[in-house]
């Protein structure tokens, strides 16, 4: 298991070298997106409208940060992961947009696993309870889109340095730690 310090935007080569069990730190721009942000992106794509950011090579964090206004800008207070499973219906769309890393908690399912192989993506598990630690790696908050949806549901643009650590729990080679755990649990249960 290796430790990787990667710069965003990420390339296919960056992603292909990652294996389930590796640790990743990110430096560059990371976007946050939860349920409403994914829905807004879908609506814009359906209407052939421009997206507010370029997702090519990006890392998207399933998180609802706590941000406050500071002068003319924003200050991040804390940021922790939210459950990623809710974004499973958007697996193909996110892959087509060129997103390379999804950060969250709890993993994703089969549609995402297939998309990760097809589009060269990974899922990075953020440790729950580390919101202050993660926030300390955020150097600046560029701003947010769709603030009318509420602070946690907005798409935030964060500039980070050595953001992490994150565990690679689903890789671009089809490996899923979550599926392995489920398969092992089913084997154990079958012995009872």
C-alpha atoms as a PDB file:
ATOM      1  CA  UNK A   1       0.000   0.000   0.000  1.00  0.00           C
ATOM      2  CA  UNK A   2       1.486   3.258  -1.180  1.00  0.00           C
ATOM      3  CA  UNK A   3       1.084   6.899  -0.209  1.00  0.00           C
ATOM      4  CA  UNK A   4       0.483   9.347  -3.069  1.00  0.00           C
ATOM      5  CA  UNK A   5       0.586  13.143  -3.086  1.00  0.00           C
ATOM      6  CA  UNK A   6      -1.313  14.195  -6.209  1.00  0.00           C
ATOM      7  CA  UNK A   7      -1.977  17.531  -7.878  1.00  0.00           C
ATOM      8  CA  UNK A   8      -5.444  18.376  -9.153  1.00  0.00           C
ATOM      9  CA  UNK A   9      -6.379  18.367 -12.007  1.00  0.00           C
ATOM     10  CA  UNK A  10      -5.766  14.632 -12.079  1.00  0.00           C
ATOM     11  CA  UNK A  11      -4.850  12.600 -15.153  1.00  0.00           C
ATOM     12  CA  UNK A  12      -5.743   9.065 -16.175  1.00  0.00           C
ATOM     13  CA  UNK A  13      -2.152   8.116 -15.357  1.00  0.00           C
ATOM     14  CA  UNK A  14      -2.537   9.506 -11.813  1.00  0.00           C
ATOM     15  CA  UNK A  15      -5.657   7.418 -11.304  1.00  0.00           C
ATOM     16  CA  UNK A  16      -4.410   4.202 -12.904  1.00  0.00           C
ATOM     17  CA  UNK A  17      -1.465   3.981 -10.493  1.00  0.00           C
ATOM     18  CA  UNK A  18      -3.799   4.041  -7.470  1.00  0.00           C
ATOM     19  CA  UNK A  19      -4.773   0.732  -5.892  1.00  0.00           C
ATOM     20  CA  UNK A  20      -7.415  -0.013  -3.283  1.00  0.00           C
ATOM     21  CA  UNK A  21      -5.710   0.375   0.084  1.00  0.00           C
ATOM     22  CA  UNK A  22      -3.435   3.238  -0.983  1.00  0.00           C
ATOM     23  CA  UNK A  23      -3.458   6.596   0.802  1.00  0.00           C
ATOM     24  CA  UNK A  24      -3.892   9.880  -1.091  1.00  0.00           C
ATOM     25  CA  UNK A  25      -3.273  13.548  -0.330  1.00  0.00           C
ATOM     26  CA  UNK A  26      -4.495  16.173  -2.820  1.00  0.00           C
ATOM     27  CA  UNK A  27      -3.201  19.637  -3.679  1.00  0.00           C
ATOM     28  CA  UNK A  28      -5.090  21.961  -6.028  1.00  0.00           C
ATOM     29  CA  UNK A  29      -8.765  22.763  -6.487  1.00  0.00           C
ATOM     30  CA  UNK A  30     -11.476  20.539  -5.002  1.00  0.00           C
ATOM     31  CA  UNK A  31     -15.219  21.032  -5.507  1.00  0.00           C
ATOM     32  CA  UNK A  32     -17.902  20.105  -2.984  1.00  0.00           C
ATOM     33  CA  UNK A  33     -21.180  18.672  -4.229  1.00  0.00           C
ATOM     34  CA  UNK A  34     -24.055  16.979  -2.485  1.00  0.00           C
ATOM     35  CA  UNK A  35     -27.535  16.007  -3.664  1.00  0.00           C
ATOM     36  CA  UNK A  36     -28.746  19.422  -4.844  1.00  0.00           C
ATOM     37  CA  UNK A  37     -25.512  20.320  -6.638  1.00  0.00           C
ATOM     38  CA  UNK A  38     -25.652  17.047  -8.585  1.00  0.00           C
ATOM     39  CA  UNK A  39     -29.262  17.771  -9.503  1.00  0.00           C
ATOM     40  CA  UNK A  40     -28.354  21.307 -10.653  1.00  0.00           C
ATOM     41  CA  UNK A  41     -25.533  19.956 -12.829  1.00  0.00           C
ATOM     42  CA  UNK A  42     -27.942  17.422 -14.353  1.00  0.00           C
ATOM     43  CA  UNK A  43     -30.489  20.161 -15.132  1.00  0.00           C
ATOM     44  CA  UNK A  44     -27.849  22.359 -16.765  1.00  0.00           C
ATOM     45  CA  UNK A  45     -26.621  19.479 -18.917  1.00  0.00           C
ATOM     46  CA  UNK A  46     -30.185  18.600 -19.956  1.00  0.00           C
ATOM     47  CA  UNK A  47     -30.746  22.234 -20.983  1.00  0.00           C
ATOM     48  CA  UNK A  48     -27.360  22.364 -22.763  1.00  0.00           C
ATOM     49  CA  UNK A  49     -26.377  25.246 -20.504  1.00  0.00           C
ATOM     50  CA  UNK A  50     -22.849  26.067 -19.345  1.00  0.00           C
ATOM     51  CA  UNK A  51     -21.628  24.590 -16.081  1.00  0.00           C
ATOM     52  CA  UNK A  52     -20.177  27.012 -13.526  1.00  0.00           C
ATOM     53  CA  UNK A  53     -16.887  25.043 -13.294  1.00  0.00           C
ATOM     54  CA  UNK A  54     -14.835  22.703 -15.463  1.00  0.00           C
ATOM     55  CA  UNK A  55     -14.967  19.230 -13.942  1.00  0.00           C
ATOM     56  CA  UNK A  56     -12.240  17.791 -16.177  1.00  0.00           C
ATOM     57  CA  UNK A  57      -9.649  16.085 -13.995  1.00  0.00           C
ATOM     58  CA  UNK A  58     -11.398  17.264 -10.845  1.00  0.00           C
ATOM     59  CA  UNK A  59     -11.896  15.912  -7.357  1.00  0.00           C
ATOM     60  CA  UNK A  60     -15.444  16.213  -6.004  1.00  0.00           C
ATOM     61  CA  UNK A  61     -15.971  15.989  -2.255  1.00  0.00           C
ATOM     62  CA  UNK A  62     -19.391  14.787  -1.069  1.00  0.00           C
ATOM     63  CA  UNK A  63     -19.479  17.238   1.804  1.00  0.00           C
ATOM     64  CA  UNK A  64     -21.516  20.051   3.283  1.00  0.00           C
ATOM     65  CA  UNK A  65     -18.930  22.506   4.547  1.00  0.00           C
ATOM     66  CA  UNK A  66     -19.538  25.120   7.197  1.00  0.00           C
ATOM     67  CA  UNK A  67     -18.457  28.394   5.606  1.00  0.00           C
ATOM     68  CA  UNK A  68     -18.826  31.971   6.804  1.00  0.00           C
ATOM     69  CA  UNK A  69     -18.510  35.312   5.087  1.00  0.00           C
ATOM     70  CA  UNK A  70     -15.197  37.020   5.819  1.00  0.00           C
ATOM     71  CA  UNK A  71     -14.812  40.500   4.370  1.00  0.00           C
ATOM     72  CA  UNK A  72     -15.286  40.175   0.616  1.00  0.00           C
ATOM     73  CA  UNK A  73     -14.610  36.441   0.673  1.00  0.00           C
ATOM     74  CA  UNK A  74     -15.332  33.235   2.553  1.00  0.00           C
ATOM     75  CA  UNK A  75     -13.738  31.337   5.404  1.00  0.00           C
ATOM     76  CA  UNK A  76     -14.079  27.583   5.840  1.00  0.00           C
ATOM     77  CA  UNK A  77     -14.760  26.489   9.431  1.00  0.00           C
ATOM     78  CA  UNK A  78     -15.090  22.697   9.092  1.00  0.00           C
ATOM     79  CA  UNK A  79     -15.624  20.180   6.323  1.00  0.00           C
ATOM     80  CA  UNK A  80     -16.503  16.532   6.732  1.00  0.00           C
ATOM     81  CA  UNK A  81     -17.794  13.847   4.390  1.00  0.00           C
ATOM     82  CA  UNK A  82     -21.416  13.019   3.778  1.00  0.00           C
ATOM     83  CA  UNK A  83     -22.776   9.639   2.692  1.00  0.00           C
ATOM     84  CA  UNK A  84     -21.919   9.129  -0.968  1.00  0.00           C
ATOM     85  CA  UNK A  85     -24.532   6.479  -1.747  1.00  0.00           C
ATOM     86  CA  UNK A  86     -27.109   9.201  -2.378  1.00  0.00           C
ATOM     87  CA  UNK A  87     -25.107  10.325  -5.429  1.00  0.00           C
ATOM     88  CA  UNK A  88     -25.017   6.831  -6.988  1.00  0.00           C
ATOM     89  CA  UNK A  89     -27.672   7.710  -9.626  1.00  0.00           C
ATOM     90  CA  UNK A  90     -25.237  10.267 -11.099  1.00  0.00           C
ATOM     91  CA  UNK A  91     -22.323   7.828 -11.652  1.00  0.00           C
ATOM     92  CA  UNK A  92     -22.400   7.957 -15.455  1.00  0.00           C
ATOM     93  CA  UNK A  93     -22.909  11.731 -15.600  1.00  0.00           C
ATOM     94  CA  UNK A  94     -19.998  12.371 -13.237  1.00  0.00           C
ATOM     95  CA  UNK A  95     -17.782  10.078 -15.300  1.00  0.00           C
ATOM     96  CA  UNK A  96     -18.728  11.833 -18.530  1.00  0.00           C
ATOM     97  CA  UNK A  97     -17.858  15.195 -16.952  1.00  0.00           C
ATOM     98  CA  UNK A  98     -14.287  14.004 -16.419  1.00  0.00           C
ATOM     99  CA  UNK A  99     -14.310  13.875 -12.610  1.00  0.00           C
ATOM    100  CA  UNK A 100     -11.349  11.704 -11.554  1.00  0.00           C
ATOM    101  CA  UNK A 101     -11.759  11.404  -7.785  1.00  0.00           C
ATOM    102  CA  UNK A 102     -14.830  11.269  -5.608  1.00  0.00           C
ATOM    103  CA  UNK A 103     -14.293  11.834  -1.893  1.00  0.00           C
ATOM    104  CA  UNK A 104     -16.924  10.849   0.646  1.00  0.00           C
ATOM    105  CA  UNK A 105     -17.902   8.233   3.181  1.00  0.00           C
ATOM    106  CA  UNK A 106     -19.557   4.867   2.947  1.00  0.00           C
ATOM    107  CA  UNK A 107     -18.568   3.993  -0.608  1.00  0.00           C
ATOM    108  CA  UNK A 108     -20.694   3.600  -3.692  1.00  0.00           C
ATOM    109  CA  UNK A 109     -22.255   0.700  -5.606  1.00  0.00           C
ATOM    110  CA  UNK A 110     -22.024  -1.187  -8.859  1.00  0.00           C
ATOM    111  CA  UNK A 111     -22.885   1.661 -11.256  1.00  0.00           C
ATOM    112  CA  UNK A 112     -20.052   3.698  -9.775  1.00  0.00           C
ATOM    113  CA  UNK A 113     -17.646   0.744  -9.817  1.00  0.00           C
ATOM    114  CA  UNK A 114     -18.326   0.305 -13.542  1.00  0.00           C
ATOM    115  CA  UNK A 115     -17.990   4.051 -14.192  1.00  0.00           C
ATOM    116  CA  UNK A 116     -14.691   4.131 -12.277  1.00  0.00           C
ATOM    117  CA  UNK A 117     -13.288   1.514 -14.670  1.00  0.00           C
ATOM    118  CA  UNK A 118     -14.763   3.125 -17.787  1.00  0.00           C
ATOM    119  CA  UNK A 119     -13.751   6.724 -17.010  1.00  0.00           C
ATOM    120  CA  UNK A 120     -10.595   6.106 -14.915  1.00  0.00           C
ATOM    121  CA  UNK A 121     -11.885   7.303 -11.543  1.00  0.00           C
ATOM    122  CA  UNK A 122     -11.374   6.437  -7.874  1.00  0.00           C
ATOM    123  CA  UNK A 123     -13.361   6.695  -4.697  1.00  0.00           C
ATOM    124  CA  UNK A 124     -11.502   8.152  -1.728  1.00  0.00           C
ATOM    125  CA  UNK A 125     -12.809   7.433   1.756  1.00  0.00           C
ATOM    126  CA  UNK A 126     -12.602  10.421   4.098  1.00  0.00           C
ATOM    127  CA  UNK A 127     -12.479   9.557   7.765  1.00  0.00           C
ATOM    128  CA  UNK A 128     -15.657  10.726   9.527  1.00  0.00           C
ATOM    129  CA  UNK A 129     -14.949  12.902  12.553  1.00  0.00           C
ATOM    130  CA  UNK A 130     -11.966  14.649  10.980  1.00  0.00           C
ATOM    131  CA  UNK A 131     -13.752  17.811   9.807  1.00  0.00           C
ATOM    132  CA  UNK A 132     -11.367  20.179  11.595  1.00  0.00           C
ATOM    133  CA  UNK A 133      -8.281  18.303  10.328  1.00  0.00           C
ATOM    134  CA  UNK A 134      -9.571  18.376   6.748  1.00  0.00           C
ATOM    135  CA  UNK A 135     -10.446  22.074   7.046  1.00  0.00           C
ATOM    136  CA  UNK A 136      -6.863  22.866   8.059  1.00  0.00           C
ATOM    137  CA  UNK A 137      -5.690  21.848   4.560  1.00  0.00           C
ATOM    138  CA  UNK A 138      -8.060  24.314   2.841  1.00  0.00           C
ATOM    139  CA  UNK A 139      -5.982  27.358   1.933  1.00  0.00           C
ATOM    140  CA  UNK A 140      -8.781  29.411   0.357  1.00  0.00           C
ATOM    141  CA  UNK A 141     -12.469  29.308  -0.526  1.00  0.00           C
ATOM    142  CA  UNK A 142     -12.899  30.798  -3.978  1.00  0.00           C
ATOM    143  CA  UNK A 143     -16.653  30.913  -3.682  1.00  0.00           C
ATOM    144  CA  UNK A 144     -19.836  28.958  -4.047  1.00  0.00           C
ATOM    145  CA  UNK A 145     -22.574  28.378  -6.611  1.00  0.00           C
ATOM    146  CA  UNK A 146     -26.270  27.810  -5.907  1.00  0.00           C
ATOM    147  CA  UNK A 147     -26.065  29.347  -2.431  1.00  0.00           C
ATOM    148  CA  UNK A 148     -29.846  29.704  -2.523  1.00  0.00           C
ATOM    149  CA  UNK A 149     -29.982  25.913  -1.984  1.00  0.00           C
ATOM    150  CA  UNK A 150     -28.293  26.372   1.393  1.00  0.00           C
ATOM    151  CA  UNK A 151     -24.665  26.349   2.468  1.00  0.00           C
ATOM    152  CA  UNK A 152     -24.233  22.541   2.591  1.00  0.00           C
ATOM    153  CA  UNK A 153     -25.923  22.023  -0.783  1.00  0.00           C
ATOM    154  CA  UNK A 154     -23.943  24.675  -2.668  1.00  0.00           C
ATOM    155  CA  UNK A 155     -21.091  23.769  -4.980  1.00  0.00           C
ATOM    156  CA  UNK A 156     -18.001  25.207  -3.267  1.00  0.00           C
ATOM    157  CA  UNK A 157     -14.618  25.809  -4.888  1.00  0.00           C
ATOM    158  CA  UNK A 158     -11.804  25.068  -2.444  1.00  0.00           C
ATOM    159  CA  UNK A 159      -8.058  25.477  -2.886  1.00  0.00           C
ATOM    160  CA  UNK A 160      -6.301  22.808  -0.843  1.00  0.00           C
ATOM    161  CA  UNK A 161      -2.788  21.756   0.058  1.00  0.00           C
ATOM    162  CA  UNK A 162      -1.974  18.212   1.178  1.00  0.00           C
ATOM    163  CA  UNK A 163      -5.704  17.589   1.688  1.00  0.00           C
ATOM    164  CA  UNK A 164      -6.308  14.237   3.342  1.00  0.00           C
ATOM    165  CA  UNK A 165      -5.369  11.591   4.169  1.00  0.00           C
ATOM    166  CA  UNK A 166      -7.887   9.672   2.090  1.00  0.00           C
ATOM    167  CA  UNK A 167      -7.997   5.905   1.613  1.00  0.00           C
ATOM    168  CA  UNK A 168      -8.508   4.540  -1.899  1.00  0.00           C
ATOM    169  CA  UNK A 169     -11.429   2.192  -1.321  1.00  0.00           C
ATOM    170  CA  UNK A 170     -12.639   1.822  -4.936  1.00  0.00           C
ATOM    171  CA  UNK A 171     -10.083   1.959  -7.727  1.00  0.00           C
ATOM    172  CA  UNK A 172     -10.160   2.197 -11.520  1.00  0.00           C
ATOM    173  CA  UNK A 173      -9.288  -1.501 -11.819  1.00  0.00           C
ATOM    174  CA  UNK A 174     -12.635  -2.715 -10.450  1.00  0.00           C
ATOM    175  CA  UNK A 175     -11.526  -3.309  -6.874  1.00  0.00           C
ATOM    176  CA  UNK A 176     -13.973  -2.275  -4.141  1.00  0.00           C
ATOM    177  CA  UNK A 177     -13.137  -2.677  -0.461  1.00  0.00           C
ATOM    178  CA  UNK A 178     -16.868  -2.374   0.279  1.00  0.00           C
ATOM    179  CA  UNK A 179     -17.743  -5.287  -2.032  1.00  0.00           C
ATOM    180  CA  UNK A 180     -14.936  -7.363  -0.522  1.00  0.00           C
ATOM    181  CA  UNK A 181     -16.316  -6.767   2.969  1.00  0.00           C
ATOM    182  CA  UNK A 182     -19.832  -7.668   1.839  1.00  0.00           C
ATOM    183  CA  UNK A 183     -18.645 -10.855   0.089  1.00  0.00           C
ATOM    184  CA  UNK A 184     -16.661 -11.938   3.142  1.00  0.00           C
ATOM    185  CA  UNK A 185     -19.607 -11.259   5.451  1.00  0.00           C
ATOM    186  CA  UNK A 186     -21.904 -13.353   3.228  1.00  0.00           C
ATOM    187  CA  UNK A 187     -19.401 -16.239   3.288  1.00  0.00           C
ATOM    188  CA  UNK A 188     -19.276 -16.128   7.075  1.00  0.00           C
ATOM    189  CA  UNK A 189     -23.065 -15.958   7.333  1.00  0.00           C
ATOM    190  CA  UNK A 190     -23.399 -18.983   5.036  1.00  0.00           C
ATOM    191  CA  UNK A 191     -21.505 -21.087   7.573  1.00  0.00           C
ATOM    192  CA  UNK A 192     -24.166 -20.592  10.251  1.00  0.00           C
END
